[in-house]
Every structure is written in C-alpha cells, then in structure tokens.
Amino acid sequence: MKKKTRKIWKRLTAMVACISMAVNAGMAYHTVLSEAYVRPETGNVAEASAVSVSSHKQFINKIYKMALKRDSSGVFYCNGNGSKIFDGNVDTLLREVCAIDKKTSDDADYLANSMASVNVRTKQEYAGNRIMSTEFTVRIQYRETAEQLAAVNVRVKEVLDRLKVKGKSDYKKVKLIHDYIVNNTSYQFSSNCYAAYGALVEGRAVCQGYAQLAYKMLTEAGVKCYVITGKANNGRGTQNHAWNMARVGKKWYYLDVTWDDPVGGGDVLRHDYFLVGKSQFEKNHTASVEFRNKIKKVSKQNHKKWKELQR
C-alpha cells in the first residue's frame, strides 16, 4: 500500500511539474513602451549603460549627476513595476532635479536653464500580466556643453578676481557684476545666446544668457540669487523674458541686466532695473506661476541707493 502511495505521489509531482513547465513555456514575455516629453527632442543620442535604481530619490540623484556632467543619455532600471520611481510626469521630475542645491553655481536655477529638452522613455517587460522589470531611458539636450561650462567657470573666476569682489558688501558685488555684464555683452541672437557661455565668452546673448551669467557670477561672489522667467512689456509688446532676484543684506530686489543694456545707440550702461522693488518692477514684468512663492520675498521699494545711480 505504501509503495502504491509513493508511486501516486511521484506521478502527481511529475504532472504538476509538467503543467508548470507548460504554463511557463506558454507565458509570452512582452515589452510595453511609453514616453514622456518636455519640449521636442531632436538629434541622435548614443545609448548609455543601464544603472540600477531602487527608489525615486535615487533616480532623481542619478539624473542630477548626469545633468551636471552634461551627459546626453542615461539608462536606469529596476525590478518589477517602476511607477513609484517615475510616474511619467517629466515637469515634476525636472523640478525635483533642479531643487537639489549644493550651493554651487552649476546646479539649481543654472542647471534648470541649461537644459533645452528632456524626454524619458519607459520600457516595461511583462510575463503574462506581471511586470518583471522597468527601464527608463533619459535623454537631455543642453544649451551649454561640458567644455563650455568649464570655460565659463574658469572665466568667471578670472573676472571676479579682476573685479576684486572678495570682502566687498553685497551691494558693491551686485553693482560690479551688473556693470561688467552690461559693458561686455551685446544683445544679439547666436547659437549660444541662451547660455552664460554666449554672454561671457562670446559677448553675445539674449535675456536668458544675461540672467544665467548674472546668476553664476553672483552665486560665485557669495550673493544669494535666483533666475526668474515670465513675461515683460517693453512698451512695444509683451514677450517671454528672464531676469534675476538678488538678496542685498536682508532684503531681496529685482535685477534685470538685459533691460539695463539697451539695444542700439552704442554702448549704454543704465541702472533703471538695478535692485528695483516690486512696486515699480512688476508694472511691466510678470513672473511665471511657479515663482509666486519666491517673488513674495521681494521688497516693495527700490534699494535706498537706486536714485543715486539715475542719470
């Protein structure tokens, strides 16, 4: 009787094993792709080696390091469903990457405005209805190459040394940097006009290039500042625009270096938009919604020395 029982169990075990193998053999592995974009991407980008990530925070930190090095492509993977690592919202992803501020002039606002386009492709591998793995391919195009960033950092240090900003007051630092940018940059469109490289090395930039350079130089000089984007009306129409906020002492002020460097009529240095308060500045400048909390810090009135600089 015991022998019969053992034989029956062996047959059942074999049958279960065969059924399991048959199910697994018939279980099709398939891949599902999805993509999330911020601004259209152009050009071909080489694939990078895949890096394992196990949390959303780790994913954000990996992209942060990737962007600082100006790497154009990064591939990241995790086991199972990766929705907790990336939910498909690239705007939120970028805000979190650029919220990392190591108190250098390369990250935070500078990094945010150095990225021209970003997209994330999500690839999931299934076994039946089960997600076996998730892969994220992140591709970024930059307004400034790693080599250009290095050149900017070297030049900024040289200029700040020449201006002798070390040990000076916040006010004096902001004025020296403001005046240097206005006197050495022309408002012109070029291939690098949206980057600090265009403003500092080539001497040609548009508002974003001016604001980026001001941010980098002020940060390196020890002055707390931000890059603000939004709309501005110059009397001829309303256009997209970029400017800065800077903290002098305990107060915050607006700083629009571009509008203090008027186009045409030769080289002109103005201080009309130098350390201006919100009562005057916001008559023709409107920040984008995402900056509403930051601009609350701005003083209502202009800096006490503003009138002394008017011609």
C-alpha atoms as a PDB file:
ATOM      1  CA  MET A   1       0.000   0.000   0.000  1.00  0.00           C
ATOM      2  CA  LYS A   2       2.843   2.357   0.904  1.00  0.00           C
ATOM      3  CA  LYS A   3       4.599   1.621  -2.408  1.00  0.00           C
ATOM      4  CA  LYS A   4       1.388   2.438  -4.338  1.00  0.00           C
ATOM      5  CA  THR A   5       1.024   5.704  -2.414  1.00  0.00           C
ATOM      6  CA  ARG A   6       4.625   6.682  -3.198  1.00  0.00           C
ATOM      7  CA  LYS A   7       4.076   5.924  -6.919  1.00  0.00           C
ATOM      8  CA  ILE A   8       0.893   8.028  -6.973  1.00  0.00           C
ATOM      9  CA  TRP A   9       2.681  10.987  -5.325  1.00  0.00           C
ATOM     10  CA  LYS A  10       5.581  10.710  -7.786  1.00  0.00           C
ATOM     11  CA  ARG A  11       3.140  10.750 -10.721  1.00  0.00           C
ATOM     12  CA  LEU A  12       1.268  13.743  -9.271  1.00  0.00           C
ATOM     13  CA  THR A  13       4.536  15.599  -8.675  1.00  0.00           C
ATOM     14  CA  ALA A  14       5.660  14.886 -12.226  1.00  0.00           C
ATOM     15  CA  MET A  15       2.291  16.032 -13.593  1.00  0.00           C
ATOM     16  CA  VAL A  16       2.449  19.284 -11.596  1.00  0.00           C
ATOM     17  CA  ALA A  17       5.999  19.908 -12.831  1.00  0.00           C
ATOM     18  CA  CYS A  18       4.921  19.275 -16.441  1.00  0.00           C
ATOM     19  CA  ILE A  19       1.915  21.580 -16.091  1.00  0.00           C
ATOM     20  CA  SER A  20       4.137  24.295 -14.549  1.00  0.00           C
ATOM     21  CA  MET A  21       6.651  23.992 -17.388  1.00  0.00           C
ATOM     22  CA  ALA A  22       3.889  24.117 -19.955  1.00  0.00           C
ATOM     23  CA  VAL A  23       2.380  27.242 -18.374  1.00  0.00           C
ATOM     24  CA  ASN A  24       5.760  28.959 -18.227  1.00  0.00           C
ATOM     25  CA  ALA A  25       6.591  27.933 -21.767  1.00  0.00           C
ATOM     26  CA  GLY A  26       3.299  29.358 -22.984  1.00  0.00           C
ATOM     27  CA  MET A  27       3.650  32.589 -20.977  1.00  0.00           C
ATOM     28  CA  ALA A  28       4.699  35.213 -23.520  1.00  0.00           C
ATOM     29  CA  TYR A  29       7.194  37.849 -22.437  1.00  0.00           C
ATOM     30  CA  HIS A  30       6.330  41.194 -23.995  1.00  0.00           C
ATOM     31  CA  THR A  31       7.505  44.781 -23.734  1.00  0.00           C
ATOM     32  CA  VAL A  32       5.462  47.942 -23.335  1.00  0.00           C
ATOM     33  CA  LEU A  33       6.972  51.317 -24.226  1.00  0.00           C
ATOM     34  CA  SER A  34       5.817  54.778 -23.216  1.00  0.00           C
ATOM     35  CA  GLU A  35       7.445  58.193 -23.472  1.00  0.00           C
ATOM     36  CA  ALA A  36       7.155  61.479 -21.607  1.00  0.00           C
ATOM     37  CA  TYR A  37       8.480  64.716 -23.099  1.00  0.00           C
ATOM     38  CA  VAL A  38       9.466  68.224 -22.124  1.00  0.00           C
ATOM     39  CA  ARG A  39       9.987  70.193 -25.341  1.00  0.00           C
ATOM     40  CA  PRO A  40      10.613  68.272 -28.580  1.00  0.00           C
ATOM     41  CA  GLU A  41      13.827  66.333 -28.859  1.00  0.00           C
ATOM     42  CA  THR A  42      15.970  66.336 -31.993  1.00  0.00           C
ATOM     43  CA  GLY A  43      19.119  64.531 -33.000  1.00  0.00           C
ATOM     44  CA  ASN A  44      20.506  61.089 -32.295  1.00  0.00           C
ATOM     45  CA  VAL A  45      21.849  60.191 -28.876  1.00  0.00           C
ATOM     46  CA  ALA A  46      24.010  57.171 -28.104  1.00  0.00           C
ATOM     47  CA  GLU A  47      22.644  54.715 -25.528  1.00  0.00           C
ATOM     48  CA  ALA A  48      24.380  54.519 -22.159  1.00  0.00           C
ATOM     49  CA  SER A  49      24.949  51.512 -19.888  1.00  0.00           C
ATOM     50  CA  ALA A  50      21.970  50.739 -17.640  1.00  0.00           C
ATOM     51  CA  VAL A  51      22.244  51.638 -13.944  1.00  0.00           C
ATOM     52  CA  SER A  52      20.111  50.041 -11.247  1.00  0.00           C
ATOM     53  CA  VAL A  53      17.849  52.300  -9.149  1.00  0.00           C
ATOM     54  CA  SER A  54      15.625  51.243  -6.267  1.00  0.00           C
ATOM     55  CA  SER A  55      13.847  54.450  -5.240  1.00  0.00           C
ATOM     56  CA  HIS A  56      12.515  57.712  -6.630  1.00  0.00           C
ATOM     57  CA  LYS A  57      15.076  59.715  -4.637  1.00  0.00           C
ATOM     58  CA  GLN A  58      17.922  57.657  -6.061  1.00  0.00           C
ATOM     59  CA  PHE A  59      16.556  58.151  -9.583  1.00  0.00           C
ATOM     60  CA  ILE A  60      16.440  61.934  -9.062  1.00  0.00           C
ATOM     61  CA  ASN A  61      20.014  61.995  -7.733  1.00  0.00           C
ATOM     62  CA  LYS A  62      21.282  59.938 -10.679  1.00  0.00           C
ATOM     63  CA  ILE A  63      19.703  62.337 -13.182  1.00  0.00           C
ATOM     64  CA  TYR A  64      21.095  65.307 -11.224  1.00  0.00           C
ATOM     65  CA  LYS A  65      24.631  63.919 -11.528  1.00  0.00           C
ATOM     66  CA  MET A  66      24.048  63.039 -15.167  1.00  0.00           C
ATOM     67  CA  ALA A  67      22.938  66.604 -15.958  1.00  0.00           C
ATOM     68  CA  LEU A  68      25.848  68.198 -14.088  1.00  0.00           C
ATOM     69  CA  LYS A  69      28.239  66.237 -16.304  1.00  0.00           C
ATOM     70  CA  ARG A  70      26.161  67.188 -19.362  1.00  0.00           C
ATOM     71  CA  ASP A  71      25.667  63.517 -20.237  1.00  0.00           C
ATOM     72  CA  SER A  72      23.114  63.317 -23.032  1.00  0.00           C
ATOM     73  CA  SER A  73      21.738  59.843 -22.288  1.00  0.00           C
ATOM     74  CA  GLY A  74      21.221  57.746 -19.165  1.00  0.00           C
ATOM     75  CA  VAL A  75      19.556  54.347 -18.810  1.00  0.00           C
ATOM     76  CA  PHE A  76      18.172  53.208 -15.446  1.00  0.00           C
ATOM     77  CA  TYR A  77      16.322  50.035 -14.481  1.00  0.00           C
ATOM     78  CA  CYS A  78      14.554  48.388 -11.554  1.00  0.00           C
ATOM     79  CA  ASN A  79      12.848  45.085 -10.869  1.00  0.00           C
ATOM     80  CA  GLY A  80       9.092  44.985 -11.156  1.00  0.00           C
ATOM     81  CA  ASN A  81       6.803  47.978 -11.656  1.00  0.00           C
ATOM     82  CA  GLY A  82       8.773  51.239 -11.723  1.00  0.00           C
ATOM     83  CA  SER A  83       5.817  53.593 -11.286  1.00  0.00           C
ATOM     84  CA  LYS A  84       6.988  54.525  -7.784  1.00  0.00           C
ATOM     85  CA  ILE A  85      10.348  55.513  -9.216  1.00  0.00           C
ATOM     86  CA  PHE A  86       8.934  57.580 -12.100  1.00  0.00           C
ATOM     87  CA  ASP A  87       5.238  58.230 -12.669  1.00  0.00           C
ATOM     88  CA  GLY A  88       5.580  59.759 -16.139  1.00  0.00           C
ATOM     89  CA  ASN A  89       5.499  63.431 -15.106  1.00  0.00           C
ATOM     90  CA  VAL A  90       8.669  64.993 -16.540  1.00  0.00           C
ATOM     91  CA  ASP A  91       7.854  68.515 -15.319  1.00  0.00           C
ATOM     92  CA  THR A  92       7.789  67.304 -11.712  1.00  0.00           C
ATOM     93  CA  LEU A  93      10.926  65.242 -12.308  1.00  0.00           C
ATOM     94  CA  LEU A  94      12.835  68.294 -13.529  1.00  0.00           C
ATOM     95  CA  ARG A  95      11.657  70.451 -10.646  1.00  0.00           C
ATOM     96  CA  GLU A  96      12.942  67.850  -8.205  1.00  0.00           C
ATOM     97  CA  VAL A  97      16.287  67.523 -10.014  1.00  0.00           C
ATOM     98  CA  CYS A  98      16.767  71.295 -10.031  1.00  0.00           C
ATOM     99  CA  ALA A  99      15.606  71.639  -6.425  1.00  0.00           C
ATOM    100  CA  ILE A 100      18.875  69.957  -5.428  1.00  0.00           C
ATOM    101  CA  ASP A 101      21.110  72.859  -4.487  1.00  0.00           C
ATOM    102  CA  LYS A 102      24.633  72.074  -3.303  1.00  0.00           C
ATOM    103  CA  LYS A 103      25.306  75.819  -3.027  1.00  0.00           C
ATOM    104  CA  THR A 104      27.352  75.825  -6.224  1.00  0.00           C
ATOM    105  CA  SER A 105      26.736  77.943  -9.313  1.00  0.00           C
ATOM    106  CA  ASP A 106      26.343  74.860 -11.537  1.00  0.00           C
ATOM    107  CA  ASP A 107      23.090  73.436 -10.183  1.00  0.00           C
ATOM    108  CA  ALA A 108      19.622  74.700  -9.135  1.00  0.00           C
ATOM    109  CA  ASP A 109      18.499  77.629 -11.346  1.00  0.00           C
ATOM    110  CA  TYR A 110      21.597  77.467 -13.535  1.00  0.00           C
ATOM    111  CA  LEU A 111      21.043  73.795 -14.289  1.00  0.00           C
ATOM    112  CA  ALA A 112      17.319  74.279 -14.928  1.00  0.00           C
ATOM    113  CA  ASN A 113      18.013  76.902 -17.581  1.00  0.00           C
ATOM    114  CA  SER A 114      20.876  74.942 -19.147  1.00  0.00           C
ATOM    115  CA  MET A 115      18.593  72.126 -20.318  1.00  0.00           C
ATOM    116  CA  ALA A 116      16.952  72.716 -23.694  1.00  0.00           C
ATOM    117  CA  SER A 117      14.955  69.487 -23.993  1.00  0.00           C
ATOM    118  CA  VAL A 118      14.298  66.381 -21.928  1.00  0.00           C
ATOM    119  CA  ASN A 119      12.436  63.166 -22.585  1.00  0.00           C
ATOM    120  CA  VAL A 120      12.047  59.951 -20.656  1.00  0.00           C
ATOM    121  CA  ARG A 121      11.193  56.634 -22.315  1.00  0.00           C
ATOM    122  CA  THR A 122       9.776  53.940 -20.062  1.00  0.00           C
ATOM    123  CA  LYS A 123      10.072  50.293 -21.141  1.00  0.00           C
ATOM    124  CA  GLN A 124       8.404  47.518 -19.147  1.00  0.00           C
ATOM    125  CA  GLU A 125       8.859  43.802 -19.656  1.00  0.00           C
ATOM    126  CA  TYR A 126       5.895  41.552 -18.848  1.00  0.00           C
ATOM    127  CA  ALA A 127       5.436  37.861 -18.209  1.00  0.00           C
ATOM    128  CA  GLY A 128       1.726  37.427 -18.698  1.00  0.00           C
ATOM    129  CA  ASN A 129       0.137  40.196 -16.634  1.00  0.00           C
ATOM    130  CA  ARG A 130       3.116  40.537 -14.335  1.00  0.00           C
ATOM    131  CA  ILE A 131       5.665  43.356 -14.765  1.00  0.00           C
ATOM    132  CA  MET A 132       9.077  41.763 -14.478  1.00  0.00           C
ATOM    133  CA  SER A 133      11.278  44.853 -14.928  1.00  0.00           C
ATOM    134  CA  THR A 134      11.153  48.543 -15.837  1.00  0.00           C
ATOM    135  CA  GLU A 135      13.760  50.515 -17.740  1.00  0.00           C
ATOM    136  CA  PHE A 136      13.956  54.313 -18.042  1.00  0.00           C
ATOM    137  CA  THR A 137      15.946  55.992 -20.795  1.00  0.00           C
ATOM    138  CA  VAL A 138      16.546  59.671 -20.033  1.00  0.00           C
ATOM    139  CA  ARG A 139      17.757  61.921 -22.832  1.00  0.00           C
ATOM    140  CA  ILE A 140      18.721  65.550 -22.344  1.00  0.00           C
ATOM    141  CA  GLN A 141      19.848  68.238 -24.750  1.00  0.00           C
ATOM    142  CA  TYR A 142      21.743  71.159 -23.267  1.00  0.00           C
ATOM    143  CA  ARG A 143      22.220  74.793 -24.161  1.00  0.00           C
ATOM    144  CA  GLU A 144      25.798  74.500 -22.947  1.00  0.00           C
ATOM    145  CA  THR A 145      28.306  71.668 -23.363  1.00  0.00           C
ATOM    146  CA  ALA A 146      30.537  70.341 -20.595  1.00  0.00           C
ATOM    147  CA  GLU A 147      33.501  72.084 -22.247  1.00  0.00           C
ATOM    148  CA  GLN A 148      31.627  75.388 -22.431  1.00  0.00           C
ATOM    149  CA  LEU A 149      30.592  75.109 -18.787  1.00  0.00           C
ATOM    150  CA  ALA A 150      34.231  74.529 -17.812  1.00  0.00           C
ATOM    151  CA  ALA A 151      35.291  77.567 -19.854  1.00  0.00           C
ATOM    152  CA  VAL A 152      32.617  79.716 -18.178  1.00  0.00           C
ATOM    153  CA  ASN A 153      33.713  78.640 -14.697  1.00  0.00           C
ATOM    154  CA  VAL A 154      37.345  79.495 -15.435  1.00  0.00           C
ATOM    155  CA  ARG A 155      36.437  82.880 -16.928  1.00  0.00           C
ATOM    156  CA  VAL A 156      34.057  83.758 -14.073  1.00  0.00           C
ATOM    157  CA  LYS A 157      36.809  83.181 -11.523  1.00  0.00           C
ATOM    158  CA  GLU A 158      39.197  85.377 -13.541  1.00  0.00           C
ATOM    159  CA  VAL A 159      36.671  88.197 -13.869  1.00  0.00           C
ATOM    160  CA  LEU A 160      35.665  88.140 -10.195  1.00  0.00           C
ATOM    161  CA  ASP A 161      39.343  88.254  -9.213  1.00  0.00           C
ATOM    162  CA  ARG A 162      39.835  91.212 -11.541  1.00  0.00           C
ATOM    163  CA  LEU A 163      36.788  92.973 -10.091  1.00  0.00           C
ATOM    164  CA  LYS A 164      38.123  92.318  -6.581  1.00  0.00           C
ATOM    165  CA  VAL A 165      34.699  91.393  -5.204  1.00  0.00           C
ATOM    166  CA  LYS A 166      36.087  89.439  -2.265  1.00  0.00           C
ATOM    167  CA  GLY A 167      35.357  91.195   1.012  1.00  0.00           C
ATOM    168  CA  LYS A 168      33.047  93.779  -0.550  1.00  0.00           C
ATOM    169  CA  SER A 169      29.439  94.396   0.505  1.00  0.00           C
ATOM    170  CA  ASP A 170      26.542  92.631  -1.226  1.00  0.00           C
ATOM    171  CA  TYR A 171      25.544  95.925  -2.827  1.00  0.00           C
ATOM    172  CA  LYS A 172      29.012  96.565  -4.253  1.00  0.00           C
ATOM    173  CA  LYS A 173      29.279  92.978  -5.535  1.00  0.00           C
ATOM    174  CA  VAL A 174      25.943  93.218  -7.357  1.00  0.00           C
ATOM    175  CA  LYS A 175      26.846  96.576  -8.886  1.00  0.00           C
ATOM    176  CA  LEU A 176      30.284  95.438 -10.079  1.00  0.00           C
ATOM    177  CA  ILE A 177      28.833  92.288 -11.658  1.00  0.00           C
ATOM    178  CA  HIS A 178      25.842  94.092 -13.166  1.00  0.00           C
ATOM    179  CA  ASP A 179      28.074  96.757 -14.712  1.00  0.00           C
ATOM    180  CA  TYR A 180      30.575  94.212 -16.027  1.00  0.00           C
ATOM    181  CA  ILE A 181      27.880  92.196 -17.824  1.00  0.00           C
ATOM    182  CA  VAL A 182      26.261  95.292 -19.347  1.00  0.00           C
ATOM    183  CA  ASN A 183      29.609  96.697 -20.508  1.00  0.00           C
ATOM    184  CA  ASN A 184      30.860  93.430 -22.007  1.00  0.00           C
ATOM    185  CA  THR A 185      27.760  91.839 -23.539  1.00  0.00           C
ATOM    186  CA  SER A 186      25.662  92.791 -26.551  1.00  0.00           C
ATOM    187  CA  TYR A 187      22.053  91.762 -27.026  1.00  0.00           C
ATOM    188  CA  GLN A 188      22.329  89.514 -30.085  1.00  0.00           C
ATOM    189  CA  PHE A 189      20.982  86.183 -31.211  1.00  0.00           C
ATOM    190  CA  SER A 190      23.582  83.478 -31.803  1.00  0.00           C
ATOM    191  CA  SER A 191      23.991  79.716 -31.381  1.00  0.00           C
ATOM    192  CA  ASN A 192      24.920  80.170 -27.704  1.00  0.00           C
ATOM    193  CA  CYS A 193      22.825  83.229 -26.869  1.00  0.00           C
ATOM    194  CA  TYR A 194      20.676  81.404 -24.280  1.00  0.00           C
ATOM    195  CA  ALA A 195      23.688  80.373 -22.222  1.00  0.00           C
ATOM    196  CA  ALA A 196      26.173  82.107 -19.952  1.00  0.00           C
ATOM    197  CA  TYR A 197      28.853  80.982 -22.410  1.00  0.00           C
ATOM    198  CA  GLY A 198      27.385  83.229 -25.098  1.00  0.00           C
ATOM    199  CA  ALA A 199      27.258  86.217 -22.752  1.00  0.00           C
ATOM    200  CA  LEU A 200      30.670  85.799 -21.113  1.00  0.00           C
ATOM    201  CA  VAL A 201      32.936  84.156 -23.680  1.00  0.00           C
ATOM    202  CA  GLU A 202      31.390  85.332 -26.967  1.00  0.00           C
ATOM    203  CA  GLY A 203      29.944  88.595 -25.673  1.00  0.00           C
ATOM    204  CA  ARG A 204      26.556  87.952 -27.327  1.00  0.00           C
ATOM    205  CA  ALA A 205      23.369  86.834 -25.612  1.00  0.00           C
ATOM    206  CA  VAL A 206      19.649  87.350 -25.134  1.00  0.00           C
ATOM    207  CA  CYS A 207      17.870  87.770 -21.803  1.00  0.00           C
ATOM    208  CA  GLN A 208      18.333  84.182 -20.659  1.00  0.00           C
ATOM    209  CA  GLY A 209      22.069  84.325 -21.330  1.00  0.00           C
ATOM    210  CA  TYR A 210      22.318  87.588 -19.373  1.00  0.00           C
ATOM    211  CA  ALA A 211      20.316  86.159 -16.448  1.00  0.00           C
ATOM    212  CA  GLN A 212      22.313  82.911 -16.416  1.00  0.00           C
ATOM    213  CA  LEU A 213      25.610  84.771 -16.299  1.00  0.00           C
ATOM    214  CA  ALA A 214      24.360  87.094 -13.562  1.00  0.00           C
ATOM    215  CA  TYR A 215      23.233  84.073 -11.539  1.00  0.00           C
ATOM    216  CA  LYS A 216      26.580  82.316 -11.910  1.00  0.00           C
ATOM    217  CA  MET A 217      28.699  85.370 -11.108  1.00  0.00           C
ATOM    218  CA  LEU A 218      26.547  86.468  -8.160  1.00  0.00           C
ATOM    219  CA  THR A 219      26.480  82.950  -6.711  1.00  0.00           C
ATOM    220  CA  GLU A 220      30.245  82.620  -7.043  1.00  0.00           C
ATOM    221  CA  ALA A 221      30.607  86.011  -5.362  1.00  0.00           C
ATOM    222  CA  GLY A 222      28.517  84.821  -2.414  1.00  0.00           C
ATOM    223  CA  VAL A 223      25.322  86.725  -3.211  1.00  0.00           C
ATOM    224  CA  LYS A 224      22.095  84.723  -2.961  1.00  0.00           C
ATOM    225  CA  CYS A 225      20.062  84.999  -6.160  1.00  0.00           C
ATOM    226  CA  TYR A 226      17.548  83.334  -8.485  1.00  0.00           C
ATOM    227  CA  VAL A 227      16.714  83.297 -12.178  1.00  0.00           C
ATOM    228  CA  ILE A 228      13.099  84.310 -12.778  1.00  0.00           C
ATOM    229  CA  THR A 229      11.259  83.795 -16.053  1.00  0.00           C
ATOM    230  CA  GLY A 230       7.926  85.160 -17.206  1.00  0.00           C
ATOM    231  CA  LYS A 231       6.573  87.972 -19.379  1.00  0.00           C
ATOM    232  CA  ALA A 232       7.645  91.591 -19.785  1.00  0.00           C
ATOM    233  CA  ASN A 233       6.171  94.517 -21.698  1.00  0.00           C
ATOM    234  CA  ASN A 234       8.720  96.943 -23.113  1.00  0.00           C
ATOM    235  CA  GLY A 235       6.113  99.348 -24.460  1.00  0.00           C
ATOM    236  CA  ARG A 236       6.060  97.712 -27.871  1.00  0.00           C
ATOM    237  CA  GLY A 237       4.556  94.419 -26.786  1.00  0.00           C
ATOM    238  CA  THR A 238       4.666  91.599 -24.248  1.00  0.00           C
ATOM    239  CA  GLN A 239       7.298  88.886 -24.688  1.00  0.00           C
ATOM    240  CA  ASN A 240       8.896  85.997 -22.817  1.00  0.00           C
ATOM    241  CA  HIS A 241      11.673  87.286 -20.621  1.00  0.00           C
ATOM    242  CA  ALA A 242      14.219  86.296 -17.954  1.00  0.00           C
ATOM    243  CA  TRP A 243      15.699  88.329 -15.104  1.00  0.00           C
ATOM    244  CA  ASN A 244      17.096  87.852 -11.596  1.00  0.00           C
ATOM    245  CA  MET A 245      16.303  88.300  -7.925  1.00  0.00           C
ATOM    246  CA  ALA A 246      19.206  89.152  -5.630  1.00  0.00           C
ATOM    247  CA  ARG A 247      19.488  89.472  -1.867  1.00  0.00           C
ATOM    248  CA  VAL A 248      21.384  92.508  -0.621  1.00  0.00           C
ATOM    249  CA  GLY A 249      21.784  92.429   3.118  1.00  0.00           C
ATOM    250  CA  LYS A 250      18.483  91.124   4.450  1.00  0.00           C
ATOM    251  CA  LYS A 251      16.312  92.337   1.563  1.00  0.00           C
ATOM    252  CA  TRP A 252      15.530  90.939  -1.883  1.00  0.00           C
ATOM    253  CA  TYR A 253      15.354  93.027  -5.056  1.00  0.00           C
ATOM    254  CA  TYR A 254      14.762  92.501  -8.765  1.00  0.00           C
ATOM    255  CA  LEU A 255      17.637  92.827 -11.205  1.00  0.00           C
ATOM    256  CA  ASP A 256      17.120  92.986 -14.986  1.00  0.00           C
ATOM    257  CA  VAL A 257      20.587  93.217 -16.509  1.00  0.00           C
ATOM    258  CA  THR A 258      19.233  92.882 -20.053  1.00  0.00           C
ATOM    259  CA  TRP A 259      16.991  95.927 -19.826  1.00  0.00           C
ATOM    260  CA  ASP A 260      19.878  97.960 -18.414  1.00  0.00           C
ATOM    261  CA  ASP A 261      21.760  97.213 -21.663  1.00  0.00           C
ATOM    262  CA  PRO A 262      19.542  98.842 -24.303  1.00  0.00           C
ATOM    263  CA  VAL A 263      19.859  97.792 -27.940  1.00  0.00           C
ATOM    264  CA  GLY A 264      21.090 100.421 -30.431  1.00  0.00           C
ATOM    265  CA  GLY A 265      22.722 103.804 -29.961  1.00  0.00           C
ATOM    266  CA  GLY A 266      26.114 102.444 -28.927  1.00  0.00           C
ATOM    267  CA  ASP A 267      27.230 101.124 -25.553  1.00  0.00           C
ATOM    268  CA  VAL A 268      24.991 102.386 -22.764  1.00  0.00           C
ATOM    269  CA  LEU A 269      25.107 101.482 -19.075  1.00  0.00           C
ATOM    270  CA  ARG A 270      21.897 102.066 -17.153  1.00  0.00           C
ATOM    271  CA  HIS A 271      20.645 101.262 -13.679  1.00  0.00           C
ATOM    272  CA  ASP A 272      16.911 101.621 -14.299  1.00  0.00           C
ATOM    273  CA  TYR A 273      16.310  97.965 -13.378  1.00  0.00           C
ATOM    274  CA  PHE A 274      19.082  97.609 -10.809  1.00  0.00           C
ATOM    275  CA  LEU A 275      17.878  96.413  -7.377  1.00  0.00           C
ATOM    276  CA  VAL A 276      14.309  97.513  -8.021  1.00  0.00           C
ATOM    277  CA  GLY A 277      11.380  96.730  -5.722  1.00  0.00           C
ATOM    278  CA  LYS A 278       8.132  95.074  -6.755  1.00  0.00           C
ATOM    279  CA  SER A 279       6.075  98.305  -6.702  1.00  0.00           C
ATOM    280  CA  GLN A 280       7.980  99.575  -9.725  1.00  0.00           C
ATOM    281  CA  PHE A 281       9.292  96.404 -11.354  1.00  0.00           C
ATOM    282  CA  GLU A 282       6.028  94.477 -11.519  1.00  0.00           C
ATOM    283  CA  LYS A 283       4.349  97.231 -13.529  1.00  0.00           C
ATOM    284  CA  ASN A 284       5.872  95.700 -16.658  1.00  0.00           C
ATOM    285  CA  HIS A 285       7.256  92.328 -15.500  1.00  0.00           C
ATOM    286  CA  THR A 286       5.095  89.316 -14.613  1.00  0.00           C
ATOM    287  CA  ALA A 287       6.769  86.191 -13.248  1.00  0.00           C
ATOM    288  CA  SER A 288       5.514  82.726 -14.225  1.00  0.00           C
ATOM    289  CA  VAL A 289       3.236  80.968 -11.731  1.00  0.00           C
ATOM    290  CA  GLU A 290       5.940  78.611 -10.440  1.00  0.00           C
ATOM    291  CA  PHE A 291       7.847  81.606  -8.978  1.00  0.00           C
ATOM    292  CA  ARG A 292       4.940  83.062  -6.975  1.00  0.00           C
ATOM    293  CA  ASN A 293       6.400  81.953  -3.629  1.00  0.00           C
ATOM    294  CA  LYS A 294       9.895  83.226  -4.406  1.00  0.00           C
ATOM    295  CA  ILE A 295       8.823  86.694  -5.532  1.00  0.00           C
ATOM    296  CA  LYS A 296       6.900  87.212  -2.283  1.00  0.00           C
ATOM    297  CA  LYS A 297      10.314  87.851  -0.741  1.00  0.00           C
ATOM    298  CA  VAL A 298      10.999  90.916  -2.906  1.00  0.00           C
ATOM    299  CA  SER A 299      10.988  94.301  -1.199  1.00  0.00           C
ATOM    300  CA  LYS A 300       8.217  96.690  -2.231  1.00  0.00           C
ATOM    301  CA  GLN A 301      10.609  99.596  -2.551  1.00  0.00           C
ATOM    302  CA  ASN A 302      13.780 100.067  -4.570  1.00  0.00           C
ATOM    303  CA  HIS A 303      17.172  99.839  -2.900  1.00  0.00           C
ATOM    304  CA  LYS A 304      17.994 103.022  -0.982  1.00  0.00           C
ATOM    305  CA  LYS A 305      20.897 103.809  -3.366  1.00  0.00           C
ATOM    306  CA  TRP A 306      18.846 103.352  -6.535  1.00  0.00           C
ATOM    307  CA  LYS A 307      18.119 107.071  -7.028  1.00  0.00           C
ATOM    308  CA  GLU A 308      21.803 107.964  -6.762  1.00  0.00           C
ATOM    309  CA  LEU A 309      22.507 105.888  -9.889  1.00  0.00           C
ATOM    310  CA  GLN A 310      19.887 107.526 -12.114  1.00  0.00           C
ATOM    311  CA  ARG A 311      21.089 109.994 -14.707  1.00  0.00           C
END
